[in-house]
């Protein structure tokens, strides 16, 4: 808990006030950024070709990495998905595994 509090405090001080939107933040170019936060340290999140588990996995992004996203939508599975670009692949990640992302 102390590490989380210290991290939040650091980012609160380090980022300009105009860039902050909760735990996620928006850049001057309009993209939002947030951190992958899966349940297990060292695990990864699938980046899929569409907004749902039934779409194929294009690549994976490791827990703790920051991603940029510029769109979100609900999939047929009822979850909110974020459009991102990771490792040269544009794809979708589930928002509930991204800290500070819209739910």
PDB file of N, CA and C in Angstrom:
ATOM      1  N   UNK A   1       0.826  -1.186   0.000  1.00  0.00           N
ATOM      2  CA  UNK A   1       0.000   0.000   0.000  1.00  0.00           C
ATOM      3  C   UNK A   1       0.874   1.255   0.000  1.00  0.00           C
ATOM      4  N   UNK A   2       1.990   1.233   0.729  1.00  0.00           N
ATOM      5  CA  UNK A   2       2.879   2.395   0.773  1.00  0.00           C
ATOM      6  C   UNK A   2       3.474   2.666  -0.596  1.00  0.00           C
ATOM      7  N   UNK A   3       3.825   1.594  -1.329  1.00  0.00           N
ATOM      8  CA  UNK A   3       4.408   1.757  -2.663  1.00  0.00           C
ATOM      9  C   UNK A   3       3.380   2.389  -3.599  1.00  0.00           C
ATOM     10  N   UNK A   4       2.144   1.913  -3.549  1.00  0.00           N
ATOM     11  CA  UNK A   4       1.083   2.469  -4.390  1.00  0.00           C
ATOM     12  C   UNK A   4       0.865   3.940  -4.071  1.00  0.00           C
ATOM     13  N   UNK A   5       0.806   4.281  -2.806  1.00  0.00           N
ATOM     14  CA  UNK A   5       0.604   5.669  -2.397  1.00  0.00           C
ATOM     15  C   UNK A   5       1.763   6.544  -2.874  1.00  0.00           C
ATOM     16  N   UNK A   6       2.980   6.051  -2.721  1.00  0.00           N
ATOM     17  CA  UNK A   6       4.156   6.806  -3.152  1.00  0.00           C
ATOM     18  C   UNK A   6       4.148   6.989  -4.668  1.00  0.00           C
ATOM     19  N   UNK A   7       3.753   5.956  -5.418  1.00  0.00           N
ATOM     20  CA  UNK A   7       3.695   6.042  -6.870  1.00  0.00           C
ATOM     21  C   UNK A   7       2.666   7.067  -7.314  1.00  0.00           C
ATOM     22  N   UNK A   8       1.492   7.024  -6.717  1.00  0.00           N
ATOM     23  CA  UNK A   8       0.437   7.982  -7.058  1.00  0.00           C
ATOM     24  C   UNK A   8       0.900   9.397  -6.729  1.00  0.00           C
ATOM     25  N   UNK A   9       1.513   9.573  -5.575  1.00  0.00           N
ATOM     26  CA  UNK A   9       2.008  10.886  -5.172  1.00  0.00           C
ATOM     27  C   UNK A   9       3.057  11.387  -6.158  1.00  0.00           C
ATOM     28  N   UNK A  10       3.974  10.509  -6.573  1.00  0.00           N
ATOM     29  CA  UNK A  10       5.010  10.880  -7.531  1.00  0.00           C
ATOM     30  C   UNK A  10       4.394  11.373  -8.831  1.00  0.00           C
ATOM     31  N   UNK A  11       3.443  10.614  -9.392  1.00  0.00           N
ATOM     32  CA  UNK A  11       2.832  11.000 -10.652  1.00  0.00           C
ATOM     33  C   UNK A  11       1.968  12.248 -10.507  1.00  0.00           C
ATOM     34  N   UNK A  12       1.384  12.442  -9.341  1.00  0.00           N
ATOM     35  CA  UNK A  12       0.596  13.648  -9.104  1.00  0.00           C
ATOM     36  C   UNK A  12       1.484  14.881  -9.166  1.00  0.00           C
ATOM     37  N   UNK A  13       2.684  14.771  -8.638  1.00  0.00           N
ATOM     38  CA  UNK A  13       3.621  15.894  -8.624  1.00  0.00           C
ATOM     39  C   UNK A  13       4.330  16.025  -9.968  1.00  0.00           C
ATOM     40  N   UNK A  14       4.694  14.904 -10.599  1.00  0.00           N
ATOM     41  CA  UNK A  14       5.508  14.913 -11.805  1.00  0.00           C
ATOM     42  C   UNK A  14       4.750  15.369 -13.053  1.00  0.00           C
ATOM     43  N   UNK A  15       3.463  15.105 -13.142  1.00  0.00           N
ATOM     44  CA  UNK A  15       2.697  15.461 -14.332  1.00  0.00           C
ATOM     45  C   UNK A  15       2.099  16.853 -14.189  1.00  0.00           C
ATOM     46  N   UNK A  16       2.070  17.608 -15.283  1.00  0.00           N
ATOM     47  CA  UNK A  16       1.411  18.916 -15.208  1.00  0.00           C
ATOM     48  C   UNK A  16      -0.064  18.750 -14.883  1.00  0.00           C
ATOM     49  N   UNK A  17      -0.619  19.670 -14.128  1.00  0.00           N
ATOM     50  CA  UNK A  17      -2.016  19.559 -13.692  1.00  0.00           C
ATOM     51  C   UNK A  17      -2.980  19.468 -14.856  1.00  0.00           C
ATOM     52  N   UNK A  18      -2.695  20.113 -15.967  1.00  0.00           N
ATOM     53  CA  UNK A  18      -3.613  20.079 -17.111  1.00  0.00           C
ATOM     54  C   UNK A  18      -3.612  18.728 -17.801  1.00  0.00           C
ATOM     55  N   UNK A  19      -2.599  17.901 -17.570  1.00  0.00           N
ATOM     56  CA  UNK A  19      -2.525  16.608 -18.241  1.00  0.00           C
ATOM     57  C   UNK A  19      -3.231  15.510 -17.461  1.00  0.00           C
ATOM     58  N   UNK A  20      -3.590  15.748 -16.225  1.00  0.00           N
ATOM     59  CA  UNK A  20      -4.127  14.691 -15.384  1.00  0.00           C
ATOM     60  C   UNK A  20      -5.639  14.548 -15.545  1.00  0.00           C
ATOM     61  N   UNK A  21      -6.063  13.305 -15.674  1.00  0.00           N
ATOM     62  CA  UNK A  21      -7.483  12.969 -15.680  1.00  0.00           C
ATOM     63  C   UNK A  21      -7.602  11.691 -14.865  1.00  0.00           C
ATOM     64  N   UNK A  22      -7.589  11.800 -13.557  1.00  0.00           N
ATOM     65  CA  UNK A  22      -7.572  10.615 -12.707  1.00  0.00           C
ATOM     66  C   UNK A  22      -6.264   9.875 -12.911  1.00  0.00           C
ATOM     67  N   UNK A  23      -6.270   8.539 -12.708  1.00  0.00           N
ATOM     68  CA  UNK A  23      -5.054   7.754 -12.881  1.00  0.00           C
ATOM     69  C   UNK A  23      -4.595   7.700 -14.338  1.00  0.00           C
ATOM     70  N   UNK A  24      -5.507   7.817 -15.284  1.00  0.00           N
ATOM     71  CA  UNK A  24      -5.106   7.896 -16.681  1.00  0.00           C
ATOM     72  C   UNK A  24      -4.849   9.367 -16.992  1.00  0.00           C
ATOM     73  N   UNK A  25      -4.076   9.648 -18.027  1.00  0.00           N
ATOM     74  CA  UNK A  25      -3.856  11.036 -18.386  1.00  0.00           C
ATOM     75  C   UNK A  25      -3.886  11.206 -19.891  1.00  0.00           C
ATOM     76  N   UNK A  26      -4.153  12.420 -20.337  1.00  0.00           N
ATOM     77  CA  UNK A  26      -4.295  12.737 -21.757  1.00  0.00           C
ATOM     78  C   UNK A  26      -3.105  13.593 -22.183  1.00  0.00           C
ATOM     79  N   UNK A  27      -2.517  13.233 -23.325  1.00  0.00           N
ATOM     80  CA  UNK A  27      -1.377  13.982 -23.835  1.00  0.00           C
ATOM     81  C   UNK A  27      -1.858  15.200 -24.617  1.00  0.00           C
ATOM     82  N   UNK A  28      -0.928  16.041 -25.004  1.00  0.00           N
ATOM     83  CA  UNK A  28      -1.260  17.213 -25.800  1.00  0.00           C
ATOM     84  C   UNK A  28      -1.814  16.807 -27.167  1.00  0.00           C
ATOM     85  N   UNK A  29      -1.467  15.609 -27.651  1.00  0.00           N
ATOM     86  CA  UNK A  29      -1.953  15.135 -28.946  1.00  0.00           C
ATOM     87  C   UNK A  29      -3.351  14.536 -28.848  1.00  0.00           C
ATOM     88  N   UNK A  30      -3.910  14.416 -27.656  1.00  0.00           N
ATOM     89  CA  UNK A  30      -5.261  13.909 -27.496  1.00  0.00           C
ATOM     90  C   UNK A  30      -5.357  12.437 -27.134  1.00  0.00           C
ATOM     91  N   UNK A  31      -4.248  11.709 -27.157  1.00  0.00           N
ATOM     92  CA  UNK A  31      -4.281  10.307 -26.745  1.00  0.00           C
ATOM     93  C   UNK A  31      -4.281  10.211 -25.235  1.00  0.00           C
ATOM     94  N   UNK A  32      -4.965   9.212 -24.703  1.00  0.00           N
ATOM     95  CA  UNK A  32      -4.939   8.960 -23.267  1.00  0.00           C
ATOM     96  C   UNK A  32      -3.941   7.850 -22.987  1.00  0.00           C
ATOM     97  N   UNK A  33      -3.363   7.874 -21.804  1.00  0.00           N
ATOM     98  CA  UNK A  33      -2.381   6.873 -21.404  1.00  0.00           C
ATOM     99  C   UNK A  33      -2.760   6.302 -20.049  1.00  0.00           C
ATOM    100  N   UNK A  34      -2.535   5.023 -19.868  1.00  0.00           N
ATOM    101  CA  UNK A  34      -2.803   4.357 -18.598  1.00  0.00           C
ATOM    102  C   UNK A  34      -1.908   3.123 -18.515  1.00  0.00           C
ATOM    103  N   UNK A  35      -1.879   2.505 -17.343  1.00  0.00           N
ATOM    104  CA  UNK A  35      -0.981   1.383 -17.068  1.00  0.00           C
ATOM    105  C   UNK A  35      -1.741   0.066 -17.042  1.00  0.00           C
ATOM    106  N   UNK A  36      -1.136  -0.963 -17.635  1.00  0.00           N
ATOM    107  CA  UNK A  36      -1.693  -2.318 -17.578  1.00  0.00           C
ATOM    108  C   UNK A  36      -1.582  -2.794 -16.139  1.00  0.00           C
ATOM    109  N   UNK A  37      -2.689  -3.270 -15.577  1.00  0.00           N
ATOM    110  CA  UNK A  37      -2.669  -3.735 -14.181  1.00  0.00           C
ATOM    111  C   UNK A  37      -3.477  -5.040 -14.081  1.00  0.00           C
ATOM    112  N   UNK A  38      -2.842  -6.125 -14.476  1.00  0.00           N
ATOM    113  CA  UNK A  38      -3.463  -7.437 -14.361  1.00  0.00           C
ATOM    114  C   UNK A  38      -3.403  -7.898 -12.913  1.00  0.00           C
ATOM    115  N   UNK A  39      -4.065  -8.981 -12.600  1.00  0.00           N
ATOM    116  CA  UNK A  39      -4.121  -9.477 -11.221  1.00  0.00           C
ATOM    117  C   UNK A  39      -2.789 -10.055 -10.753  1.00  0.00           C
ATOM    118  N   UNK A  40      -1.952 -10.525 -11.680  1.00  0.00           N
ATOM    119  CA  UNK A  40      -0.689 -11.153 -11.309  1.00  0.00           C
ATOM    120  C   UNK A  40       0.488 -10.357 -11.844  1.00  0.00           C
ATOM    121  N   UNK A  41       1.455 -10.087 -10.973  1.00  0.00           N
ATOM    122  CA  UNK A  41       2.677  -9.423 -11.414  1.00  0.00           C
ATOM    123  C   UNK A  41       3.388 -10.293 -12.435  1.00  0.00           C
ATOM    124  N   UNK A  42       3.915  -9.656 -13.468  1.00  0.00           N
ATOM    125  CA  UNK A  42       4.671 -10.382 -14.478  1.00  0.00           C
ATOM    126  C   UNK A  42       3.804 -11.040 -15.537  1.00  0.00           C
ATOM    127  N   UNK A  43       2.495 -10.950 -15.398  1.00  0.00           N
ATOM    128  CA  UNK A  43       1.626 -11.545 -16.417  1.00  0.00           C
ATOM    129  C   UNK A  43       1.452 -10.548 -17.565  1.00  0.00           C
ATOM    130  N   UNK A  44       0.696 -10.916 -18.558  1.00  0.00           N
ATOM    131  CA  UNK A  44       0.501 -10.026 -19.690  1.00  0.00           C
ATOM    132  C   UNK A  44      -0.958 -10.018 -20.133  1.00  0.00           C
ATOM    133  N   UNK A  45      -1.309  -9.000 -20.889  1.00  0.00           N
ATOM    134  CA  UNK A  45      -2.669  -8.797 -21.359  1.00  0.00           C
ATOM    135  C   UNK A  45      -2.675  -8.956 -22.876  1.00  0.00           C
ATOM    136  N   UNK A  46      -3.650  -9.688 -23.382  1.00  0.00           N
ATOM    137  CA  UNK A  46      -3.759  -9.907 -24.823  1.00  0.00           C
ATOM    138  C   UNK A  46      -4.268  -8.658 -25.532  1.00  0.00           C
ATOM    139  N   UNK A  47      -3.656  -8.359 -26.660  1.00  0.00           N
ATOM    140  CA  UNK A  47      -4.122  -7.314 -27.559  1.00  0.00           C
ATOM    141  C   UNK A  47      -4.815  -8.049 -28.698  1.00  0.00           C
ATOM    142  N   UNK A  48      -6.107  -7.812 -28.879  1.00  0.00           N
ATOM    143  CA  UNK A  48      -6.919  -8.591 -29.819  1.00  0.00           C
ATOM    144  C   UNK A  48      -7.302  -7.781 -31.054  1.00  0.00           C
ATOM    145  N   UNK A  49      -7.661  -8.481 -32.109  1.00  0.00           N
ATOM    146  CA  UNK A  49      -8.001  -7.838 -33.383  1.00  0.00           C
ATOM    147  C   UNK A  49      -9.351  -7.124 -33.347  1.00  0.00           C
ATOM    148  N   UNK A  50     -10.163  -7.366 -32.339  1.00  0.00           N
ATOM    149  CA  UNK A  50     -11.452  -6.707 -32.190  1.00  0.00           C
ATOM    150  C   UNK A  50     -11.829  -6.619 -30.723  1.00  0.00           C
ATOM    151  N   UNK A  51     -12.889  -5.900 -30.402  1.00  0.00           N
ATOM    152  CA  UNK A  51     -13.281  -5.689 -29.002  1.00  0.00           C
ATOM    153  C   UNK A  51     -14.081  -6.865 -28.422  1.00  0.00           C
ATOM    154  N   UNK A  52     -13.383  -7.952 -28.116  1.00  0.00           N
ATOM    155  CA  UNK A  52     -14.022  -9.120 -27.512  1.00  0.00           C
ATOM    156  C   UNK A  52     -13.062 -10.291 -27.439  1.00  0.00           C
ATOM    157  N   UNK A  53     -13.328 -11.232 -26.523  1.00  0.00           N
ATOM    158  CA  UNK A  53     -12.459 -12.405 -26.351  1.00  0.00           C
ATOM    159  C   UNK A  53     -12.485 -13.337 -27.552  1.00  0.00           C
ATOM    160  N   UNK A  54     -13.517 -13.229 -28.378  1.00  0.00           N
ATOM    161  CA  UNK A  54     -13.613 -14.113 -29.526  1.00  0.00           C
ATOM    162  C   UNK A  54     -12.714 -13.686 -30.690  1.00  0.00           C
ATOM    163  N   UNK A  55     -12.087 -12.517 -30.598  1.00  0.00           N
ATOM    164  CA  UNK A  55     -11.161 -12.065 -31.637  1.00  0.00           C
ATOM    165  C   UNK A  55      -9.771 -12.634 -31.381  1.00  0.00           C
ATOM    166  N   UNK A  56      -8.985 -12.768 -32.450  1.00  0.00           N
ATOM    167  CA  UNK A  56      -7.659 -13.394 -32.303  1.00  0.00           C
ATOM    168  C   UNK A  56      -6.670 -12.465 -31.599  1.00  0.00           C
ATOM    169  N   UNK A  57      -5.710 -13.073 -30.922  1.00  0.00           N
ATOM    170  CA  UNK A  57      -4.662 -12.347 -30.201  1.00  0.00           C
ATOM    171  C   UNK A  57      -3.589 -11.932 -31.203  1.00  0.00           C
ATOM    172  N   UNK A  58      -3.288 -10.624 -31.230  1.00  0.00           N
ATOM    173  CA  UNK A  58      -2.260 -10.094 -32.122  1.00  0.00           C
ATOM    174  C   UNK A  58      -0.894 -10.057 -31.453  1.00  0.00           C
ATOM    175  N   UNK A  59      -0.882  -9.665 -30.192  1.00  0.00           N
ATOM    176  CA  UNK A  59       0.341  -9.574 -29.395  1.00  0.00           C
ATOM    177  C   UNK A  59      -0.075  -9.501 -27.934  1.00  0.00           C
ATOM    178  N   UNK A  60       0.885  -9.371 -27.046  1.00  0.00           N
ATOM    179  CA  UNK A  60       0.598  -9.232 -25.615  1.00  0.00           C
ATOM    180  C   UNK A  60       1.394  -8.065 -25.073  1.00  0.00           C
ATOM    181  N   UNK A  61       0.876  -7.470 -24.003  1.00  0.00           N
ATOM    182  CA  UNK A  61       1.569  -6.380 -23.325  1.00  0.00           C
ATOM    183  C   UNK A  61       1.687  -6.754 -21.847  1.00  0.00           C
ATOM    184  N   UNK A  62       2.878  -6.589 -21.297  1.00  0.00           N
ATOM    185  CA  UNK A  62       3.158  -7.030 -19.928  1.00  0.00           C
ATOM    186  C   UNK A  62       2.559  -6.089 -18.888  1.00  0.00           C
ATOM    187  N   UNK A  63       2.213  -6.684 -17.760  1.00  0.00           N
ATOM    188  CA  UNK A  63       1.710  -5.956 -16.603  1.00  0.00           C
ATOM    189  C   UNK A  63       2.693  -4.857 -16.224  1.00  0.00           C
ATOM    190  N   UNK A  64       2.191  -3.673 -15.912  1.00  0.00           N
ATOM    191  CA  UNK A  64       3.034  -2.549 -15.501  1.00  0.00           C
ATOM    192  C   UNK A  64       3.420  -1.620 -16.635  1.00  0.00           C
ATOM    193  N   UNK A  65       3.268  -2.061 -17.893  1.00  0.00           N
ATOM    194  CA  UNK A  65       3.589  -1.192 -19.022  1.00  0.00           C
ATOM    195  C   UNK A  65       2.493  -0.151 -19.216  1.00  0.00           C
ATOM    196  N   UNK A  66       2.876   0.992 -19.743  1.00  0.00           N
ATOM    197  CA  UNK A  66       1.924   2.046 -20.051  1.00  0.00           C
ATOM    198  C   UNK A  66       1.548   1.954 -21.518  1.00  0.00           C
ATOM    199  N   UNK A  67       0.253   2.091 -21.798  1.00  0.00           N
ATOM    200  CA  UNK A  67      -0.218   2.078 -23.184  1.00  0.00           C
ATOM    201  C   UNK A  67      -0.960   3.376 -23.473  1.00  0.00           C
ATOM    202  N   UNK A  68      -1.003   3.735 -24.725  1.00  0.00           N
ATOM    203  CA  UNK A  68      -1.820   4.848 -25.177  1.00  0.00           C
ATOM    204  C   UNK A  68      -3.074   4.281 -25.820  1.00  0.00           C
ATOM    205  N   UNK A  69      -4.172   4.987 -25.672  1.00  0.00           N
ATOM    206  CA  UNK A  69      -5.398   4.555 -26.331  1.00  0.00           C
ATOM    207  C   UNK A  69      -6.169   5.780 -26.786  1.00  0.00           C
ATOM    208  N   UNK A  70      -6.917   5.615 -27.873  1.00  0.00           N
ATOM    209  CA  UNK A  70      -7.630   6.769 -28.420  1.00  0.00           C
ATOM    210  C   UNK A  70      -9.102   6.504 -28.683  1.00  0.00           C
ATOM    211  N   UNK A  71      -9.578   5.317 -28.359  1.00  0.00           N
ATOM    212  CA  UNK A  71     -10.999   5.011 -28.529  1.00  0.00           C
ATOM    213  C   UNK A  71     -11.369   3.903 -27.563  1.00  0.00           C
ATOM    214  N   UNK A  72     -12.655   3.821 -27.243  1.00  0.00           N
ATOM    215  CA  UNK A  72     -13.138   2.722 -26.416  1.00  0.00           C
ATOM    216  C   UNK A  72     -14.563   2.397 -26.835  1.00  0.00           C
ATOM    217  N   UNK A  73     -14.947   1.151 -26.599  1.00  0.00           N
ATOM    218  CA  UNK A  73     -16.319   0.735 -26.883  1.00  0.00           C
ATOM    219  C   UNK A  73     -16.619  -0.547 -26.117  1.00  0.00           C
ATOM    220  N   UNK A  74     -17.908  -0.803 -25.942  1.00  0.00           N
ATOM    221  CA  UNK A  74     -18.323  -2.052 -25.322  1.00  0.00           C
ATOM    222  C   UNK A  74     -18.361  -3.143 -26.374  1.00  0.00           C
ATOM    223  N   UNK A  75     -17.853  -4.329 -26.013  1.00  0.00           N
ATOM    224  CA  UNK A  75     -17.927  -5.476 -26.892  1.00  0.00           C
ATOM    225  C   UNK A  75     -19.217  -6.233 -26.652  1.00  0.00           C
ATOM    226  N   UNK A  76     -19.483  -7.236 -27.470  1.00  0.00           N
ATOM    227  CA  UNK A  76     -20.671  -8.059 -27.294  1.00  0.00           C
ATOM    228  C   UNK A  76     -20.621  -8.844 -25.991  1.00  0.00           C
ATOM    229  N   UNK A  77     -19.426  -8.965 -25.405  1.00  0.00           N
ATOM    230  CA  UNK A  77     -19.267  -9.669 -24.137  1.00  0.00           C
ATOM    231  C   UNK A  77     -19.655  -8.808 -22.936  1.00  0.00           C
ATOM    232  N   UNK A  78     -20.004  -7.531 -23.177  1.00  0.00           N
ATOM    233  CA  UNK A  78     -20.423  -6.633 -22.103  1.00  0.00           C
ATOM    234  C   UNK A  78     -19.291  -5.863 -21.448  1.00  0.00           C
ATOM    235  N   UNK A  79     -18.041  -6.128 -21.835  1.00  0.00           N
ATOM    236  CA  UNK A  79     -16.894  -5.420 -21.272  1.00  0.00           C
ATOM    237  C   UNK A  79     -16.522  -4.232 -22.147  1.00  0.00           C
ATOM    238  N   UNK A  80     -15.925  -3.212 -21.522  1.00  0.00           N
ATOM    239  CA  UNK A  80     -15.415  -2.066 -22.266  1.00  0.00           C
ATOM    240  C   UNK A  80     -14.022  -2.432 -22.756  1.00  0.00           C
ATOM    241  N   UNK A  81     -13.737  -2.098 -24.015  1.00  0.00           N
ATOM    242  CA  UNK A  81     -12.461  -2.384 -24.659  1.00  0.00           C
ATOM    243  C   UNK A  81     -11.835  -1.085 -25.149  1.00  0.00           C
ATOM    244  N   UNK A  82     -10.495  -1.019 -25.111  1.00  0.00           N
ATOM    245  CA  UNK A  82      -9.755   0.170 -25.534  1.00  0.00           C
ATOM    246  C   UNK A  82      -8.953  -0.144 -26.786  1.00  0.00           C
ATOM    247  N   UNK A  83      -8.980   0.762 -27.751  1.00  0.00           N
ATOM    248  CA  UNK A  83      -8.182   0.629 -28.964  1.00  0.00           C
ATOM    249  C   UNK A  83      -6.801   1.194 -28.683  1.00  0.00           C
ATOM    250  N   UNK A  84      -5.772   0.388 -28.926  1.00  0.00           N
ATOM    251  CA  UNK A  84      -4.401   0.786 -28.620  1.00  0.00           C
ATOM    252  C   UNK A  84      -3.471   0.312 -29.722  1.00  0.00           C
ATOM    253  N   UNK A  85      -2.233   0.720 -29.659  1.00  0.00           N
ATOM    254  CA  UNK A  85      -1.207   0.243 -30.577  1.00  0.00           C
ATOM    255  C   UNK A  85      -0.030  -0.230 -29.736  1.00  0.00           C
ATOM    256  N   UNK A  86       0.302  -1.528 -29.865  1.00  0.00           N
ATOM    257  CA  UNK A  86       1.370  -2.137 -29.076  1.00  0.00           C
ATOM    258  C   UNK A  86       2.243  -2.981 -30.004  1.00  0.00           C
ATOM    259  N   UNK A  87       3.551  -2.798 -29.928  1.00  0.00           N
ATOM    260  CA  UNK A  87       4.501  -3.588 -30.718  1.00  0.00           C
ATOM    261  C   UNK A  87       4.153  -3.571 -32.208  1.00  0.00           C
ATOM    262  N   UNK A  88       3.699  -2.429 -32.708  1.00  0.00           N
ATOM    263  CA  UNK A  88       3.364  -2.299 -34.119  1.00  0.00           C
ATOM    264  C   UNK A  88       2.018  -2.892 -34.514  1.00  0.00           C
ATOM    265  N   UNK A  89       1.242  -3.348 -33.549  1.00  0.00           N
ATOM    266  CA  UNK A  89      -0.085  -3.915 -33.809  1.00  0.00           C
ATOM    267  C   UNK A  89      -1.153  -3.014 -33.213  1.00  0.00           C
ATOM    268  N   UNK A  90      -2.112  -2.604 -34.036  1.00  0.00           N
ATOM    269  CA  UNK A  90      -3.259  -1.877 -33.493  1.00  0.00           C
ATOM    270  C   UNK A  90      -4.303  -2.913 -33.106  1.00  0.00           C
ATOM    271  N   UNK A  91      -4.781  -2.831 -31.875  1.00  0.00           N
ATOM    272  CA  UNK A  91      -5.743  -3.815 -31.402  1.00  0.00           C
ATOM    273  C   UNK A  91      -6.456  -3.346 -30.149  1.00  0.00           C
ATOM    274  N   UNK A  92      -7.187  -4.254 -29.543  1.00  0.00           N
ATOM    275  CA  UNK A  92      -8.080  -3.949 -28.428  1.00  0.00           C
ATOM    276  C   UNK A  92      -7.666  -4.686 -27.162  1.00  0.00           C
ATOM    277  N   UNK A  93      -7.724  -3.979 -26.022  1.00  0.00           N
ATOM    278  CA  UNK A  93      -7.466  -4.580 -24.707  1.00  0.00           C
ATOM    279  C   UNK A  93      -8.673  -4.301 -23.814  1.00  0.00           C
ATOM    280  N   UNK A  94      -8.942  -5.225 -22.884  1.00  0.00           N
ATOM    281  CA  UNK A  94     -10.059  -5.020 -21.961  1.00  0.00           C
ATOM    282  C   UNK A  94      -9.731  -3.927 -20.971  1.00  0.00           C
ATOM    283  N   UNK A  95     -10.650  -2.962 -20.826  1.00  0.00           N
ATOM    284  CA  UNK A  95     -10.420  -1.780 -20.004  1.00  0.00           C
ATOM    285  C   UNK A  95     -10.280  -2.095 -18.522  1.00  0.00           C
ATOM    286  N   UNK A  96     -10.900  -3.180 -18.053  1.00  0.00           N
ATOM    287  CA  UNK A  96     -10.825  -3.474 -16.624  1.00  0.00           C
ATOM    288  C   UNK A  96      -9.457  -4.006 -16.207  1.00  0.00           C
ATOM    289  N   UNK A  97      -8.548  -4.210 -17.148  1.00  0.00           N
ATOM    290  CA  UNK A  97      -7.161  -4.571 -16.845  1.00  0.00           C
ATOM    291  C   UNK A  97      -6.209  -3.399 -17.088  1.00  0.00           C
ATOM    292  N   UNK A  98      -6.776  -2.197 -17.262  1.00  0.00           N
ATOM    293  CA  UNK A  98      -5.980  -1.001 -17.486  1.00  0.00           C
ATOM    294  C   UNK A  98      -6.343   0.000 -16.388  1.00  0.00           C
ATOM    295  N   UNK A  99      -5.398   0.289 -15.505  1.00  0.00           N
ATOM    296  CA  UNK A  99      -5.658   1.187 -14.373  1.00  0.00           C
ATOM    297  C   UNK A  99      -5.944   2.598 -14.875  1.00  0.00           C
ATOM    298  N   UNK A 100      -7.076   3.134 -14.447  1.00  0.00           N
ATOM    299  CA  UNK A 100      -7.454   4.494 -14.810  1.00  0.00           C
ATOM    300  C   UNK A 100      -8.210   4.613 -16.109  1.00  0.00           C
ATOM    301  N   UNK A 101      -8.460   3.504 -16.781  1.00  0.00           N
ATOM    302  CA  UNK A 101      -9.191   3.542 -18.054  1.00  0.00           C
ATOM    303  C   UNK A 101     -10.685   3.667 -17.809  1.00  0.00           C
ATOM    304  N   UNK A 102     -11.416   4.184 -18.778  1.00  0.00           N
ATOM    305  CA  UNK A 102     -12.876   4.268 -18.616  1.00  0.00           C
ATOM    306  C   UNK A 102     -13.474   2.873 -18.503  1.00  0.00           C
ATOM    307  N   UNK A 103     -14.452   2.707 -17.637  1.00  0.00           N
ATOM    308  CA  UNK A 103     -15.077   1.386 -17.455  1.00  0.00           C
ATOM    309  C   UNK A 103     -16.371   1.313 -18.142  1.00  0.00           C
TER     310      UNK A 103
END
